[in-house]
Amino acid sequence: IGVDIRNGLLDIVEVARGNVAGVEVHPREVF
């Protein structure tokens, strides 16, 4: 979730989808 300087919601983005046991997340996909 991206927020502005006052913690106002900018956008909500799904960056990874895994399986029942976990999800692999890369910093480049988050940022």
Full PDB file with SEQRES, HELIX, SHEET, SSBOND, CRYST1, ORIGX, SCALE, CONECT and MASTER records, all heavy atoms in Angstrom:
SEQRES   1 A   31  ILE GLY VAL ASP ILE ARG ASN GLY LEU LEU ASP ILE VAL          
SEQRES   2 A   31  GLU VAL ALA ARG GLY ASN VAL ALA GLY VAL GLU VAL HIS          
SEQRES   3 A   31  PRO ARG GLU VAL PHE                                          
HELIX    1 AA1 PRO A   27  VAL A   30  1                                   4    
SHEET    1 AA1 2 GLY A   2  VAL A   3  0                                        
SHEET    2 AA1 2 LEU A   9  ASP A  11 -1                                        
CRYST1    1.000    1.000    1.000  90.00  90.00  90.00 P 1           1          
ORIGX1      1.000000  0.000000  0.000000        0.00000                         
ORIGX2      0.000000  1.000000  0.000000        0.00000                         
ORIGX3      0.000000  0.000000  1.000000        0.00000                         
SCALE1      1.000000  0.000000  0.000000        0.00000                         
SCALE2      0.000000  1.000000  0.000000        0.00000                         
SCALE3      0.000000  0.000000  1.000000        0.00000                         
ATOM      1  N   ILE A   1       0.863  -1.178   0.000  1.00  0.00           N  
ATOM      2  CA  ILE A   1       0.000   0.000   0.000  1.00  0.00           C  
ATOM      3  C   ILE A   1       0.902   1.231   0.000  1.00  0.00           C  
ATOM      4  O   ILE A   1       1.780   1.360   0.855  1.00  0.00           O  
ATOM      5  CB  ILE A   1      -0.908   0.032   1.243  1.00  0.00           C  
ATOM      6  CG1 ILE A   1      -1.793  -1.211   1.296  1.00  0.00           C  
ATOM      7  CG2 ILE A   1      -1.742   1.306   1.264  1.00  0.00           C  
ATOM      8  CD1 ILE A   1      -2.615  -1.323   2.561  1.00  0.00           C  
ATOM      9  N   GLY A   2       0.689   2.108  -0.952  1.00  0.00           N  
ATOM     10  CA  GLY A   2       1.417   3.367  -1.003  1.00  0.00           C  
ATOM     11  C   GLY A   2       0.658   4.433  -0.238  1.00  0.00           C  
ATOM     12  O   GLY A   2      -0.563   4.514  -0.337  1.00  0.00           O  
ATOM     13  N   VAL A   3       1.401   5.211   0.546  1.00  0.00           N  
ATOM     14  CA  VAL A   3       0.784   6.297   1.305  1.00  0.00           C  
ATOM     15  C   VAL A   3       1.515   7.601   1.029  1.00  0.00           C  
ATOM     16  O   VAL A   3       2.702   7.605   0.684  1.00  0.00           O  
ATOM     17  CB  VAL A   3       0.759   6.013   2.826  1.00  0.00           C  
ATOM     18  CG1 VAL A   3      -0.127   4.822   3.145  1.00  0.00           C  
ATOM     19  CG2 VAL A   3       2.153   5.802   3.384  1.00  0.00           C  
ATOM     20  N   ASP A   4       0.784   8.702   1.195  1.00  0.00           N  
ATOM     21  CA  ASP A   4       1.403  10.016   1.032  1.00  0.00           C  
ATOM     22  C   ASP A   4       2.058  10.447   2.347  1.00  0.00           C  
ATOM     23  O   ASP A   4       2.097   9.671   3.306  1.00  0.00           O  
ATOM     24  CB  ASP A   4       0.389  11.043   0.515  1.00  0.00           C  
ATOM     25  CG  ASP A   4      -0.762  11.312   1.474  1.00  0.00           C  
ATOM     26  OD1 ASP A   4      -0.657  10.991   2.686  1.00  0.00           O  
ATOM     27  OD2 ASP A   4      -1.787  11.843   1.021  1.00  0.00           O  
ATOM     28  N   ILE A   5       2.524  11.661   2.404  1.00  0.00           N  
ATOM     29  CA  ILE A   5       3.269  12.150   3.558  1.00  0.00           C  
ATOM     30  C   ILE A   5       2.428  12.155   4.843  1.00  0.00           C  
ATOM     31  O   ILE A   5       2.960  12.080   5.936  1.00  0.00           O  
ATOM     32  CB  ILE A   5       3.878  13.549   3.266  1.00  0.00           C  
ATOM     33  CG1 ILE A   5       4.972  13.897   4.266  1.00  0.00           C  
ATOM     34  CG2 ILE A   5       2.817  14.617   3.248  1.00  0.00           C  
ATOM     35  CD1 ILE A   5       6.227  13.143   4.063  1.00  0.00           C  
ATOM     36  N   ARG A   6       1.102  12.192   4.697  1.00  0.00           N  
ATOM     37  CA  ARG A   6       0.200  12.190   5.858  1.00  0.00           C  
ATOM     38  C   ARG A   6      -0.486  10.846   6.053  1.00  0.00           C  
ATOM     39  O   ARG A   6      -1.563  10.770   6.649  1.00  0.00           O  
ATOM     40  CB  ARG A   6      -0.839  13.287   5.709  1.00  0.00           C  
ATOM     41  CG  ARG A   6      -0.212  14.658   5.729  1.00  0.00           C  
ATOM     42  CD  ARG A   6      -1.233  15.723   5.659  1.00  0.00           C  
ATOM     43  NE  ARG A   6      -0.561  17.015   5.660  1.00  0.00           N  
ATOM     44  CZ  ARG A   6      -1.163  18.155   5.664  1.00  0.00           C  
ATOM     45  NH1 ARG A   6      -2.473  18.186   5.653  1.00  0.00           N  
ATOM     46  NH2 ARG A   6      -0.487  19.272   5.662  1.00  0.00           N  
ATOM     47  N   ASN A   7       0.100   9.796   5.521  1.00  0.00           N  
ATOM     48  CA  ASN A   7      -0.444   8.430   5.584  1.00  0.00           C  
ATOM     49  C   ASN A   7      -1.795   8.299   4.893  1.00  0.00           C  
ATOM     50  O   ASN A   7      -2.600   7.441   5.239  1.00  0.00           O  
ATOM     51  CB  ASN A   7      -0.530   7.913   7.020  1.00  0.00           C  
ATOM     52  CG  ASN A   7       0.822   7.576   7.591  1.00  0.00           C  
ATOM     53  OD1 ASN A   7       1.796   7.425   6.858  1.00  0.00           O  
ATOM     54  ND2 ASN A   7       0.895   7.475   8.903  1.00  0.00           N  
ATOM     55  N   GLY A   8      -2.032   9.138   3.899  1.00  0.00           N  
ATOM     56  CA  GLY A   8      -3.234   9.014   3.086  1.00  0.00           C  
ATOM     57  C   GLY A   8      -3.020   7.936   2.038  1.00  0.00           C  
ATOM     58  O   GLY A   8      -1.965   7.868   1.407  1.00  0.00           O  
ATOM     59  N   LEU A   9      -4.000   7.086   1.857  1.00  0.00           N  
ATOM     60  CA  LEU A   9      -3.893   5.966   0.928  1.00  0.00           C  
ATOM     61  C   LEU A   9      -3.791   6.462  -0.509  1.00  0.00           C  
ATOM     62  O   LEU A   9      -4.634   7.225  -0.969  1.00  0.00           O  
ATOM     63  CB  LEU A   9      -5.117   5.066   1.080  1.00  0.00           C  
ATOM     64  CG  LEU A   9      -5.083   3.791   0.270  1.00  0.00           C  
ATOM     65  CD1 LEU A   9      -5.604   2.638   1.104  1.00  0.00           C  
ATOM     66  CD2 LEU A   9      -5.896   3.926  -0.979  1.00  0.00           C  
ATOM     67  N   LEU A  10      -2.735   6.044  -1.202  1.00  0.00           N  
ATOM     68  CA  LEU A  10      -2.571   6.362  -2.622  1.00  0.00           C  
ATOM     69  C   LEU A  10      -3.091   5.230  -3.487  1.00  0.00           C  
ATOM     70  O   LEU A  10      -3.866   5.446  -4.409  1.00  0.00           O  
ATOM     71  CB  LEU A  10      -1.098   6.624  -2.947  1.00  0.00           C  
ATOM     72  CG  LEU A  10      -0.460   7.846  -2.298  1.00  0.00           C  
ATOM     73  CD1 LEU A  10       1.036   7.878  -2.593  1.00  0.00           C  
ATOM     74  CD2 LEU A  10      -1.130   9.115  -2.783  1.00  0.00           C  
ATOM     75  N   ASP A  11      -2.626   4.008  -3.195  1.00  0.00           N  
ATOM     76  CA  ASP A  11      -3.050   2.862  -3.999  1.00  0.00           C  
ATOM     77  C   ASP A  11      -2.726   1.570  -3.268  1.00  0.00           C  
ATOM     78  O   ASP A  11      -1.837   1.526  -2.408  1.00  0.00           O  
ATOM     79  CB  ASP A  11      -2.348   2.870  -5.358  1.00  0.00           C  
ATOM     80  CG  ASP A  11      -3.066   2.040  -6.412  1.00  0.00           C  
ATOM     81  OD1 ASP A  11      -4.158   1.494  -6.124  1.00  0.00           O  
ATOM     82  OD2 ASP A  11      -2.545   1.932  -7.537  1.00  0.00           O  
ATOM     83  N   ILE A  12      -3.437   0.512  -3.630  1.00  0.00           N  
ATOM     84  CA  ILE A  12      -3.218  -0.832  -3.091  1.00  0.00           C  
ATOM     85  C   ILE A  12      -2.872  -1.721  -4.271  1.00  0.00           C  
ATOM     86  O   ILE A  12      -3.646  -1.810  -5.218  1.00  0.00           O  
ATOM     87  CB  ILE A  12      -4.482  -1.360  -2.382  1.00  0.00           C  
ATOM     88  CG1 ILE A  12      -4.883  -0.430  -1.239  1.00  0.00           C  
ATOM     89  CG2 ILE A  12      -4.264  -2.786  -1.891  1.00  0.00           C  
ATOM     90  CD1 ILE A  12      -6.220  -0.768  -0.604  1.00  0.00           C  
ATOM     91  N   VAL A  13      -1.686  -2.380  -4.213  1.00  0.00           N  
ATOM     92  CA  VAL A  13      -1.202  -3.164  -5.344  1.00  0.00           C  
ATOM     93  C   VAL A  13      -0.798  -4.559  -4.885  1.00  0.00           C  
ATOM     94  O   VAL A  13       0.003  -4.706  -3.965  1.00  0.00           O  
ATOM     95  CB  VAL A  13       0.007  -2.469  -6.023  1.00  0.00           C  
ATOM     96  CG1 VAL A  13       0.522  -3.294  -7.183  1.00  0.00           C  
ATOM     97  CG2 VAL A  13      -0.354  -1.063  -6.460  1.00  0.00           C  
ATOM     98  N   GLU A  14      -1.350  -5.573  -5.547  1.00  0.00           N  
ATOM     99  CA  GLU A  14      -0.901  -6.945  -5.298  1.00  0.00           C  
ATOM    100  C   GLU A  14       0.410  -7.146  -6.043  1.00  0.00           C  
ATOM    101  O   GLU A  14       0.474  -6.944  -7.247  1.00  0.00           O  
ATOM    102  CB  GLU A  14      -1.939  -7.946  -5.800  1.00  0.00           C  
ATOM    103  CG  GLU A  14      -1.538  -9.384  -5.569  1.00  0.00           C  
ATOM    104  CD  GLU A  14      -2.558 -10.380  -6.085  1.00  0.00           C  
ATOM    105  OE1 GLU A  14      -3.768 -10.152  -5.897  1.00  0.00           O  
ATOM    106  OE2 GLU A  14      -2.128 -11.386  -6.678  1.00  0.00           O  
ATOM    107  N   VAL A  15       1.455  -7.545  -5.315  1.00  0.00           N  
ATOM    108  CA  VAL A  15       2.766  -7.693  -5.948  1.00  0.00           C  
ATOM    109  C   VAL A  15       3.198  -9.145  -6.104  1.00  0.00           C  
ATOM    110  O   VAL A  15       4.100  -9.433  -6.895  1.00  0.00           O  
ATOM    111  CB  VAL A  15       3.868  -6.892  -5.203  1.00  0.00           C  
ATOM    112  CG1 VAL A  15       3.606  -5.407  -5.319  1.00  0.00           C  
ATOM    113  CG2 VAL A  15       3.987  -7.306  -3.763  1.00  0.00           C  
ATOM    114  N   ALA A  16       2.581 -10.063  -5.370  1.00  0.00           N  
ATOM    115  CA  ALA A  16       2.948 -11.472  -5.517  1.00  0.00           C  
ATOM    116  C   ALA A  16       1.819 -12.362  -5.008  1.00  0.00           C  
ATOM    117  O   ALA A  16       1.083 -11.994  -4.095  1.00  0.00           O  
ATOM    118  CB  ALA A  16       4.234 -11.775  -4.758  1.00  0.00           C  
ATOM    119  N   ARG A  17       1.731 -13.527  -5.621  1.00  0.00           N  
ATOM    120  CA  ARG A  17       0.744 -14.528  -5.209  1.00  0.00           C  
ATOM    121  C   ARG A  17       1.478 -15.859  -5.123  1.00  0.00           C  
ATOM    122  O   ARG A  17       2.186 -16.240  -6.044  1.00  0.00           O  
ATOM    123  CB  ARG A  17      -0.385 -14.591  -6.230  1.00  0.00           C  
ATOM    124  CG  ARG A  17      -1.575 -15.397  -5.795  1.00  0.00           C  
ATOM    125  CD  ARG A  17      -2.708 -15.251  -6.796  1.00  0.00           C  
ATOM    126  NE  ARG A  17      -3.392 -13.981  -6.624  1.00  0.00           N  
ATOM    127  CZ  ARG A  17      -4.620 -13.874  -6.106  1.00  0.00           C  
ATOM    128  NH1 ARG A  17      -5.272 -14.950  -5.746  1.00  0.00           N  
ATOM    129  NH2 ARG A  17      -5.191 -12.701  -5.993  1.00  0.00           N  
ATOM    130  N   GLY A  18       1.321 -16.532  -4.007  1.00  0.00           N  
ATOM    131  CA  GLY A  18       2.051 -17.776  -3.787  1.00  0.00           C  
ATOM    132  C   GLY A  18       1.138 -18.973  -3.678  1.00  0.00           C  
ATOM    133  O   GLY A  18       0.148 -19.091  -4.397  1.00  0.00           O  
ATOM    134  N   ASN A  19       1.461 -19.839  -2.727  1.00  0.00           N  
ATOM    135  CA  ASN A  19       0.646 -21.027  -2.500  1.00  0.00           C  
ATOM    136  C   ASN A  19       0.182 -21.021  -1.045  1.00  0.00           C  
ATOM    137  O   ASN A  19       0.345 -20.036  -0.340  1.00  0.00           O  
ATOM    138  CB  ASN A  19       1.424 -22.305  -2.849  1.00  0.00           C  
ATOM    139  CG  ASN A  19       2.731 -22.397  -2.088  1.00  0.00           C  
ATOM    140  OD1 ASN A  19       2.800 -22.039  -0.918  1.00  0.00           O  
ATOM    141  ND2 ASN A  19       3.770 -22.877  -2.746  1.00  0.00           N  
ATOM    142  N   VAL A  20      -0.353 -22.128  -0.586  1.00  0.00           N  
ATOM    143  CA  VAL A  20      -0.904 -22.193   0.762  1.00  0.00           C  
ATOM    144  C   VAL A  20       0.183 -22.031   1.833  1.00  0.00           C  
ATOM    145  O   VAL A  20      -0.088 -21.561   2.933  1.00  0.00           O  
ATOM    146  CB  VAL A  20      -1.702 -23.502   0.970  1.00  0.00           C  
ATOM    147  CG1 VAL A  20      -0.773 -24.704   1.060  1.00  0.00           C  
ATOM    148  CG2 VAL A  20      -2.580 -23.412   2.187  1.00  0.00           C  
ATOM    149  N   ALA A  21       1.422 -22.364   1.508  1.00  0.00           N  
ATOM    150  CA  ALA A  21       2.500 -22.340   2.494  1.00  0.00           C  
ATOM    151  C   ALA A  21       3.330 -21.069   2.478  1.00  0.00           C  
ATOM    152  O   ALA A  21       4.075 -20.803   3.422  1.00  0.00           O  
ATOM    153  CB  ALA A  21       3.415 -23.543   2.280  1.00  0.00           C  
ATOM    154  N   GLY A  22       3.253 -20.267   1.425  1.00  0.00           N  
ATOM    155  CA  GLY A  22       4.071 -19.066   1.385  1.00  0.00           C  
ATOM    156  C   GLY A  22       3.986 -18.346   0.060  1.00  0.00           C  
ATOM    157  O   GLY A  22       3.305 -18.783  -0.868  1.00  0.00           O  
ATOM    158  N   VAL A  23       4.708 -17.239   0.000  1.00  0.00           N  
ATOM    159  CA  VAL A  23       4.763 -16.428  -1.207  1.00  0.00           C  
ATOM    160  C   VAL A  23       6.175 -15.879  -1.335  1.00  0.00           C  
ATOM    161  O   VAL A  23       6.778 -15.478  -0.347  1.00  0.00           O  
ATOM    162  CB  VAL A  23       3.706 -15.296  -1.180  1.00  0.00           C  
ATOM    163  CG1 VAL A  23       3.906 -14.351  -0.020  1.00  0.00           C  
ATOM    164  CG2 VAL A  23       3.676 -14.537  -2.482  1.00  0.00           C  
ATOM    165  N   GLU A  24       6.709 -15.916  -2.543  1.00  0.00           N  
ATOM    166  CA  GLU A  24       8.052 -15.388  -2.790  1.00  0.00           C  
ATOM    167  C   GLU A  24       7.930 -13.922  -3.191  1.00  0.00           C  
ATOM    168  O   GLU A  24       7.199 -13.581  -4.122  1.00  0.00           O  
ATOM    169  CB  GLU A  24       8.726 -16.184  -3.902  1.00  0.00           C  
ATOM    170  CG  GLU A  24      10.181 -15.832  -4.073  1.00  0.00           C  
ATOM    171  CD  GLU A  24      10.865 -16.728  -5.075  1.00  0.00           C  
ATOM    172  OE1 GLU A  24      10.453 -17.892  -5.240  1.00  0.00           O  
ATOM    173  OE2 GLU A  24      11.815 -16.246  -5.704  1.00  0.00           O  
ATOM    174  N   VAL A  25       8.662 -13.080  -2.482  1.00  0.00           N  
ATOM    175  CA  VAL A  25       8.562 -11.636  -2.705  1.00  0.00           C  
ATOM    176  C   VAL A  25       9.945 -11.079  -3.005  1.00  0.00           C  
ATOM    177  O   VAL A  25      10.902 -11.356  -2.287  1.00  0.00           O  
ATOM    178  CB  VAL A  25       7.983 -10.934  -1.459  1.00  0.00           C  
ATOM    179  CG1 VAL A  25       7.864  -9.439  -1.694  1.00  0.00           C  
ATOM    180  CG2 VAL A  25       6.638 -11.523  -1.094  1.00  0.00           C  
ATOM    181  N   HIS A  26      10.046 -10.290  -4.063  1.00  0.00           N  
ATOM    182  CA  HIS A  26      11.296  -9.641  -4.436  1.00  0.00           C  
ATOM    183  C   HIS A  26      11.177  -8.148  -4.162  1.00  0.00           C  
ATOM    184  O   HIS A  26      10.150  -7.543  -4.488  1.00  0.00           O  
ATOM    185  CB  HIS A  26      11.603  -9.874  -5.918  1.00  0.00           C  
ATOM    186  CG  HIS A  26      11.800 -11.306  -6.253  1.00  0.00           C  
ATOM    187  ND1 HIS A  26      12.961 -11.973  -5.956  1.00  0.00           N  
ATOM    188  CD2 HIS A  26      10.978 -12.206  -6.838  1.00  0.00           C  
ATOM    189  CE1 HIS A  26      12.846 -13.229  -6.360  1.00  0.00           C  
ATOM    190  NE2 HIS A  26      11.652 -13.399  -6.894  1.00  0.00           N  
ATOM    191  N   PRO A  27      12.215  -7.536  -3.617  1.00  0.00           N  
ATOM    192  CA  PRO A  27      12.166  -6.099  -3.335  1.00  0.00           C  
ATOM    193  C   PRO A  27      11.799  -5.257  -4.553  1.00  0.00           C  
ATOM    194  O   PRO A  27      11.053  -4.284  -4.430  1.00  0.00           O  
ATOM    195  CB  PRO A  27      13.585  -5.782  -2.841  1.00  0.00           C  
ATOM    196  CG  PRO A  27      14.055  -7.063  -2.243  1.00  0.00           C  
ATOM    197  CD  PRO A  27      13.453  -8.139  -3.106  1.00  0.00           C  
ATOM    198  N   ARG A  28      12.264  -5.625  -5.733  1.00  0.00           N  
ATOM    199  CA  ARG A  28      11.952  -4.813  -6.917  1.00  0.00           C  
ATOM    200  C   ARG A  28      10.455  -4.791  -7.198  1.00  0.00           C  
ATOM    201  O   ARG A  28       9.920  -3.792  -7.654  1.00  0.00           O  
ATOM    202  CB  ARG A  28      12.731  -5.299  -8.130  1.00  0.00           C  
ATOM    203  CG  ARG A  28      12.321  -6.658  -8.638  1.00  0.00           C  
ATOM    204  CD  ARG A  28      13.123  -7.092  -9.858  1.00  0.00           C  
ATOM    205  NE  ARG A  28      12.890  -8.478 -10.151  1.00  0.00           N  
ATOM    206  CZ  ARG A  28      13.594  -9.488  -9.649  1.00  0.00           C  
ATOM    207  NH1 ARG A  28      14.600  -9.255  -8.844  1.00  0.00           N  
ATOM    208  NH2 ARG A  28      13.296 -10.729  -9.960  1.00  0.00           N  
ATOM    209  N   GLU A  29       9.766  -5.907  -6.917  1.00  0.00           N  
ATOM    210  CA  GLU A  29       8.325  -5.967  -7.149  1.00  0.00           C  
ATOM    211  C   GLU A  29       7.566  -5.146  -6.115  1.00  0.00           C  
ATOM    212  O   GLU A  29       6.484  -4.637  -6.399  1.00  0.00           O  
ATOM    213  CB  GLU A  29       7.829  -7.412  -7.129  1.00  0.00           C  
ATOM    214  CG  GLU A  29       8.498  -8.309  -8.146  1.00  0.00           C  
ATOM    215  CD  GLU A  29       8.361  -7.795  -9.568  1.00  0.00           C  
ATOM    216  OE1 GLU A  29       7.321  -7.197  -9.912  1.00  0.00           O  
ATOM    217  OE2 GLU A  29       9.304  -7.979 -10.355  1.00  0.00           O  
ATOM    218  N   VAL A  30       8.124  -5.017  -4.913  1.00  0.00           N  
ATOM    219  CA  VAL A  30       7.483  -4.239  -3.861  1.00  0.00           C  
ATOM    220  C   VAL A  30       7.651  -2.747  -4.120  1.00  0.00           C  
ATOM    221  O   VAL A  30       6.710  -1.963  -3.986  1.00  0.00           O  
ATOM    222  CB  VAL A  30       8.072  -4.612  -2.477  1.00  0.00           C  
ATOM    223  CG1 VAL A  30       7.593  -3.651  -1.396  1.00  0.00           C  
ATOM    224  CG2 VAL A  30       7.710  -6.053  -2.126  1.00  0.00           C  
ATOM    225  N   PHE A  31       8.864  -2.341  -4.511  1.00  0.00           N  
ATOM    226  CA  PHE A  31       9.144  -0.915  -4.616  1.00  0.00           C  
ATOM    227  C   PHE A  31       8.803  -0.307  -5.972  1.00  0.00           C  
ATOM    228  O   PHE A  31       8.630   0.905  -6.066  1.00  0.00           O  
ATOM    229  CB  PHE A  31      10.598  -0.631  -4.233  1.00  0.00           C  
ATOM    230  CG  PHE A  31      10.801  -0.757  -2.749  1.00  0.00           C  
ATOM    231  CD1 PHE A  31      11.254  -1.933  -2.188  1.00  0.00           C  
ATOM    232  CD2 PHE A  31      10.473   0.298  -1.915  1.00  0.00           C  
ATOM    233  CE1 PHE A  31      11.408  -2.058  -0.821  1.00  0.00           C  
ATOM    234  CE2 PHE A  31      10.621   0.188  -0.546  1.00  0.00           C  
ATOM    235  CZ  PHE A  31      11.090  -0.995   0.005  1.00  0.00           C  
TER     236      PHE A  31                                                      
MASTER        0    0    0    1    2    0    0    6  235    1    0    3          
END                                                                             
